[in-house]
Amino acid sequence: MRISVCHCLACQRRTGSVFGAQARFPAENVQIEGPYKEYVRHSDEDAEERRFAFCSECGSTVFYTLESAPGFIAVPIGAFADPSFPPPTVYVYESRRHPWVQMPDDVHCDGG
């Protein structure tokens, strides 16, 4: 569906970085295998519920779902461990972006 970067405080806390980067896929195109633990948190601005799945072995976020995008699963780009993965086309939560983080000119803001 899309590849994006999120600057919200919840993503910053979850990743331990200044943003989260993820790709959304239709749920029917994603096959989940292996054990995981789930953590529910709410976004910092609109209180939307987000369900994060963490690897039971290493603790990495392996996928998550959003109330606002039913039928889709988001997978953090780092989970692919593929430097050739396509770049993001959109970013969100501009108001939470660290001022020293610059997004490429061809990546547009889609709210926040």
N, C-alpha and C. Protein backbone atom coordinates (compact mmCIF):
# COMPACT_ATOMS: atom_id res chain seq x y z
N MET A 1 0.82 -1.19 0.00
CA MET A 1 0.00 0.00 0.00
C MET A 1 0.86 1.25 0.00
N ARG A 2 1.84 1.30 0.96
CA ARG A 2 2.74 2.44 0.97
C ARG A 2 3.97 2.14 1.83
N ILE A 3 5.01 2.90 1.56
CA ILE A 3 6.22 2.86 2.37
C ILE A 3 6.35 4.24 2.98
N SER A 4 6.48 4.30 4.31
CA SER A 4 6.44 5.60 4.97
C SER A 4 7.42 5.69 6.14
N VAL A 5 7.61 6.93 6.58
CA VAL A 5 8.39 7.25 7.77
C VAL A 5 7.44 7.97 8.72
N CYS A 6 7.50 7.59 10.00
CA CYS A 6 6.66 8.23 11.01
C CYS A 6 7.55 8.89 12.06
N HIS A 7 7.30 10.17 12.30
CA HIS A 7 8.08 10.94 13.27
C HIS A 7 7.39 11.05 14.63
N CYS A 8 6.27 10.36 14.86
CA CYS A 8 5.55 10.51 16.12
C CYS A 8 6.40 10.06 17.30
N LEU A 9 6.07 10.56 18.47
CA LEU A 9 6.84 10.22 19.66
C LEU A 9 6.73 8.74 20.00
N ALA A 10 5.57 8.13 19.73
CA ALA A 10 5.41 6.70 20.00
C ALA A 10 6.38 5.88 19.15
N CYS A 11 6.55 6.23 17.87
CA CYS A 11 7.51 5.50 17.02
C CYS A 11 8.94 5.77 17.48
N GLN A 12 9.21 6.98 17.91
CA GLN A 12 10.55 7.28 18.41
C GLN A 12 10.86 6.41 19.63
N ARG A 13 9.90 6.30 20.55
CA ARG A 13 10.12 5.47 21.73
C ARG A 13 10.24 3.99 21.36
N ARG A 14 9.38 3.53 20.46
CA ARG A 14 9.38 2.11 20.07
C ARG A 14 10.68 1.71 19.40
N THR A 15 11.21 2.57 18.53
CA THR A 15 12.40 2.20 17.77
C THR A 15 13.70 2.59 18.47
N GLY A 16 13.62 3.52 19.42
CA GLY A 16 14.84 4.02 20.03
C GLY A 16 15.61 4.92 19.07
N SER A 17 14.93 5.41 18.06
CA SER A 17 15.53 6.26 17.04
C SER A 17 14.68 7.52 16.91
N VAL A 18 14.94 8.33 15.89
CA VAL A 18 14.18 9.57 15.71
C VAL A 18 12.95 9.41 14.84
N PHE A 19 12.72 8.21 14.29
CA PHE A 19 11.51 7.92 13.51
C PHE A 19 11.40 6.42 13.31
N GLY A 20 10.25 6.00 12.83
CA GLY A 20 10.04 4.63 12.42
C GLY A 20 9.83 4.61 10.91
N ALA A 21 10.28 3.56 10.26
CA ALA A 21 10.08 3.41 8.81
C ALA A 21 9.42 2.07 8.58
N GLN A 22 8.35 2.07 7.78
CA GLN A 22 7.56 0.86 7.61
C GLN A 22 6.92 0.78 6.22
N ALA A 23 6.55 -0.45 5.88
CA ALA A 23 5.82 -0.70 4.63
C ALA A 23 4.50 -1.37 5.00
N ARG A 24 3.41 -0.89 4.43
CA ARG A 24 2.09 -1.49 4.67
C ARG A 24 1.73 -2.40 3.51
N PHE A 25 1.16 -3.56 3.88
CA PHE A 25 0.74 -4.54 2.89
C PHE A 25 -0.68 -4.98 3.19
N PRO A 26 -1.46 -5.37 2.16
CA PRO A 26 -2.76 -5.98 2.44
C PRO A 26 -2.53 -7.24 3.29
N ALA A 27 -3.34 -7.40 4.33
CA ALA A 27 -3.16 -8.52 5.27
C ALA A 27 -3.16 -9.87 4.56
N GLU A 28 -3.95 -10.01 3.51
CA GLU A 28 -4.01 -11.31 2.82
C GLU A 28 -2.70 -11.63 2.08
N ASN A 29 -1.82 -10.64 1.93
CA ASN A 29 -0.53 -10.87 1.27
C ASN A 29 0.61 -11.10 2.27
N VAL A 30 0.28 -11.15 3.56
CA VAL A 30 1.31 -11.33 4.59
C VAL A 30 1.09 -12.66 5.29
N GLN A 31 2.16 -13.43 5.41
CA GLN A 31 2.10 -14.70 6.13
C GLN A 31 2.95 -14.55 7.39
N ILE A 32 2.32 -14.71 8.54
CA ILE A 32 3.01 -14.58 9.82
C ILE A 32 3.35 -15.97 10.33
N GLU A 33 4.62 -16.16 10.64
CA GLU A 33 5.08 -17.46 11.14
C GLU A 33 5.87 -17.24 12.42
N GLY A 34 5.77 -18.18 13.33
CA GLY A 34 6.56 -18.13 14.55
C GLY A 34 5.89 -17.37 15.67
N PRO A 35 6.43 -17.54 16.87
CA PRO A 35 5.83 -16.89 18.04
C PRO A 35 6.16 -15.39 18.10
N TYR A 36 5.27 -14.65 18.69
CA TYR A 36 5.50 -13.22 18.92
C TYR A 36 4.69 -12.79 20.13
N LYS A 37 5.08 -11.68 20.70
CA LYS A 37 4.35 -11.08 21.80
C LYS A 37 3.76 -9.78 21.30
N GLU A 38 2.58 -9.45 21.81
CA GLU A 38 1.89 -8.25 21.34
C GLU A 38 1.86 -7.18 22.43
N TYR A 39 1.99 -5.94 22.00
CA TYR A 39 1.92 -4.79 22.89
C TYR A 39 0.99 -3.77 22.25
N VAL A 40 0.03 -3.26 23.01
CA VAL A 40 -0.90 -2.26 22.49
C VAL A 40 -0.49 -0.89 23.03
N ARG A 41 -0.37 0.06 22.13
CA ARG A 41 -0.09 1.44 22.55
C ARG A 41 -0.94 2.36 21.71
N HIS A 42 -1.03 3.61 22.13
CA HIS A 42 -1.83 4.59 21.42
C HIS A 42 -0.91 5.68 20.88
N SER A 43 -1.26 6.21 19.72
CA SER A 43 -0.46 7.28 19.13
C SER A 43 -0.48 8.48 20.05
N ASP A 44 0.51 9.33 19.91
CA ASP A 44 0.65 10.45 20.85
C ASP A 44 -0.25 11.63 20.54
N GLU A 45 -0.85 11.71 19.35
CA GLU A 45 -1.69 12.85 19.04
C GLU A 45 -3.18 12.52 18.93
N ASP A 46 -3.51 11.38 18.32
CA ASP A 46 -4.92 11.09 18.09
C ASP A 46 -5.45 9.91 18.89
N ALA A 47 -4.63 9.35 19.75
CA ALA A 47 -5.01 8.24 20.64
C ALA A 47 -5.49 6.99 19.89
N GLU A 48 -5.07 6.84 18.64
CA GLU A 48 -5.42 5.66 17.86
C GLU A 48 -4.70 4.43 18.43
N GLU A 49 -5.44 3.33 18.55
CA GLU A 49 -4.84 2.09 19.02
C GLU A 49 -3.96 1.47 17.95
N ARG A 50 -2.77 1.02 18.38
CA ARG A 50 -1.84 0.32 17.49
C ARG A 50 -1.38 -0.94 18.20
N ARG A 51 -1.41 -2.05 17.49
CA ARG A 51 -1.01 -3.35 18.05
C ARG A 51 0.31 -3.76 17.44
N PHE A 52 1.34 -3.80 18.28
CA PHE A 52 2.70 -4.13 17.83
C PHE A 52 3.03 -5.57 18.20
N ALA A 53 3.62 -6.29 17.26
CA ALA A 53 4.06 -7.66 17.49
C ALA A 53 5.58 -7.67 17.54
N PHE A 54 6.10 -8.26 18.62
CA PHE A 54 7.53 -8.33 18.84
C PHE A 54 8.01 -9.76 18.77
N CYS A 55 9.19 -9.97 18.21
CA CYS A 55 9.79 -11.30 18.18
C CYS A 55 10.03 -11.75 19.61
N SER A 56 9.60 -12.96 19.93
CA SER A 56 9.76 -13.52 21.27
C SER A 56 11.22 -13.81 21.60
N GLU A 57 12.07 -13.92 20.59
CA GLU A 57 13.48 -14.23 20.80
C GLU A 57 14.33 -12.97 21.00
N CYS A 58 14.19 -11.98 20.09
CA CYS A 58 15.10 -10.82 20.12
C CYS A 58 14.43 -9.51 20.53
N GLY A 59 13.10 -9.47 20.55
CA GLY A 59 12.39 -8.26 20.96
C GLY A 59 12.16 -7.25 19.84
N SER A 60 12.59 -7.52 18.63
CA SER A 60 12.38 -6.59 17.52
C SER A 60 10.91 -6.53 17.12
N THR A 61 10.45 -5.35 16.71
CA THR A 61 9.11 -5.22 16.16
C THR A 61 9.11 -5.91 14.80
N VAL A 62 8.21 -6.88 14.61
CA VAL A 62 8.17 -7.61 13.34
C VAL A 62 6.96 -7.23 12.47
N PHE A 63 5.90 -6.73 13.09
CA PHE A 63 4.77 -6.19 12.35
C PHE A 63 3.86 -5.46 13.31
N TYR A 64 2.92 -4.68 12.75
CA TYR A 64 1.90 -4.05 13.59
C TYR A 64 0.69 -3.69 12.75
N THR A 65 -0.40 -3.42 13.46
CA THR A 65 -1.66 -3.03 12.81
C THR A 65 -2.15 -1.72 13.40
N LEU A 66 -2.92 -1.00 12.60
CA LEU A 66 -3.48 0.29 12.99
C LEU A 66 -4.99 0.25 12.89
N GLU A 67 -5.68 0.88 13.83
CA GLU A 67 -7.13 0.98 13.75
C GLU A 67 -7.57 1.69 12.46
N SER A 68 -6.80 2.70 12.05
CA SER A 68 -7.18 3.49 10.88
C SER A 68 -6.91 2.79 9.56
N ALA A 69 -6.25 1.64 9.58
CA ALA A 69 -5.95 0.91 8.35
C ALA A 69 -6.33 -0.56 8.51
N PRO A 70 -7.62 -0.84 8.74
CA PRO A 70 -8.02 -2.24 8.88
C PRO A 70 -7.75 -3.01 7.58
N GLY A 71 -7.35 -4.25 7.74
CA GLY A 71 -7.06 -5.07 6.56
C GLY A 71 -5.63 -4.92 6.05
N PHE A 72 -4.82 -4.14 6.77
CA PHE A 72 -3.43 -3.96 6.36
C PHE A 72 -2.51 -4.31 7.52
N ILE A 73 -1.31 -4.74 7.19
CA ILE A 73 -0.27 -5.03 8.17
C ILE A 73 0.95 -4.21 7.80
N ALA A 74 1.51 -3.53 8.79
CA ALA A 74 2.73 -2.75 8.59
C ALA A 74 3.92 -3.57 9.08
N VAL A 75 4.99 -3.55 8.30
CA VAL A 75 6.21 -4.26 8.65
C VAL A 75 7.35 -3.23 8.66
N PRO A 76 8.08 -3.13 9.78
CA PRO A 76 9.20 -2.20 9.81
C PRO A 76 10.21 -2.55 8.71
N ILE A 77 10.71 -1.54 8.02
CA ILE A 77 11.62 -1.78 6.91
C ILE A 77 12.87 -2.52 7.36
N GLY A 78 13.36 -2.22 8.56
CA GLY A 78 14.55 -2.90 9.06
C GLY A 78 14.37 -4.40 9.20
N ALA A 79 13.14 -4.87 9.35
CA ALA A 79 12.89 -6.31 9.48
C ALA A 79 13.25 -7.06 8.19
N PHE A 80 13.30 -6.36 7.08
CA PHE A 80 13.66 -7.00 5.81
C PHE A 80 15.17 -7.16 5.67
N ALA A 81 15.95 -6.37 6.43
CA ALA A 81 17.41 -6.42 6.35
C ALA A 81 17.88 -6.41 4.90
N ASP A 82 17.34 -5.47 4.12
CA ASP A 82 17.62 -5.40 2.69
C ASP A 82 17.89 -3.94 2.30
N PRO A 83 19.15 -3.54 2.16
CA PRO A 83 19.47 -2.15 1.81
C PRO A 83 18.88 -1.70 0.47
N SER A 84 18.46 -2.64 -0.38
CA SER A 84 17.87 -2.25 -1.66
C SER A 84 16.35 -2.08 -1.58
N PHE A 85 15.77 -2.21 -0.36
CA PHE A 85 14.33 -2.02 -0.20
C PHE A 85 13.95 -0.63 -0.71
N PRO A 86 12.81 -0.48 -1.39
CA PRO A 86 12.43 0.83 -1.93
C PRO A 86 12.33 1.90 -0.84
N PRO A 87 12.63 3.14 -1.19
CA PRO A 87 12.57 4.23 -0.22
C PRO A 87 11.13 4.64 0.09
N PRO A 88 10.94 5.37 1.19
CA PRO A 88 9.59 5.86 1.51
C PRO A 88 9.14 6.91 0.51
N THR A 89 7.82 7.03 0.38
CA THR A 89 7.25 8.06 -0.49
C THR A 89 6.51 9.13 0.30
N VAL A 90 6.30 8.85 1.60
CA VAL A 90 5.51 9.75 2.43
C VAL A 90 6.04 9.71 3.86
N TYR A 91 5.83 10.80 4.60
CA TYR A 91 6.12 10.80 6.01
C TYR A 91 4.97 11.47 6.76
N VAL A 92 4.84 11.14 8.04
CA VAL A 92 3.76 11.67 8.87
C VAL A 92 4.31 12.20 10.19
N TYR A 93 3.47 12.97 10.89
CA TYR A 93 3.82 13.60 12.17
C TYR A 93 4.99 14.57 12.03
N GLU A 94 4.88 15.43 11.03
CA GLU A 94 5.88 16.48 10.80
C GLU A 94 6.14 17.29 12.08
N SER A 95 5.10 17.53 12.87
CA SER A 95 5.25 18.34 14.09
C SER A 95 6.17 17.69 15.12
N ARG A 96 6.42 16.40 15.00
CA ARG A 96 7.29 15.68 15.94
C ARG A 96 8.68 15.40 15.36
N ARG A 97 8.90 15.80 14.11
CA ARG A 97 10.19 15.55 13.45
C ARG A 97 11.29 16.35 14.13
N HIS A 98 12.41 15.69 14.40
CA HIS A 98 13.57 16.40 14.94
C HIS A 98 14.05 17.39 13.88
N PRO A 99 14.35 18.62 14.26
CA PRO A 99 14.68 19.65 13.25
C PRO A 99 15.91 19.33 12.41
N TRP A 100 16.80 18.49 12.90
CA TRP A 100 18.00 18.15 12.13
C TRP A 100 17.78 17.00 11.17
N VAL A 101 16.59 16.35 11.22
CA VAL A 101 16.26 15.28 10.29
C VAL A 101 15.67 15.90 9.03
N GLN A 102 16.30 15.66 7.90
CA GLN A 102 15.83 16.18 6.63
C GLN A 102 15.29 15.04 5.77
N MET A 103 14.09 15.21 5.25
CA MET A 103 13.51 14.22 4.37
C MET A 103 13.84 14.59 2.92
N PRO A 104 14.03 13.60 2.06
CA PRO A 104 14.30 13.90 0.64
C PRO A 104 13.16 14.71 0.02
N ASP A 105 13.48 15.50 -0.97
CA ASP A 105 12.49 16.38 -1.61
C ASP A 105 11.34 15.61 -2.24
N ASP A 106 11.58 14.36 -2.68
CA ASP A 106 10.52 13.60 -3.34
C ASP A 106 9.64 12.81 -2.37
N VAL A 107 9.87 12.96 -1.06
CA VAL A 107 9.04 12.33 -0.04
C VAL A 107 8.14 13.42 0.54
N HIS A 108 6.83 13.25 0.44
CA HIS A 108 5.93 14.31 0.87
C HIS A 108 5.29 14.04 2.22
N CYS A 109 4.87 15.10 2.88
CA CYS A 109 4.23 15.01 4.18
C CYS A 109 2.75 14.68 4.00
N ASP A 110 2.26 13.70 4.76
CA ASP A 110 0.87 13.28 4.67
C ASP A 110 0.15 13.50 6.00
N GLY A 111 0.47 14.60 6.66
CA GLY A 111 -0.25 14.96 7.88
C GLY A 111 0.62 15.02 9.11
N GLY A 112 0.07 15.71 10.11
CA GLY A 112 0.73 15.83 11.40
C GLY A 112 1.71 16.93 11.38
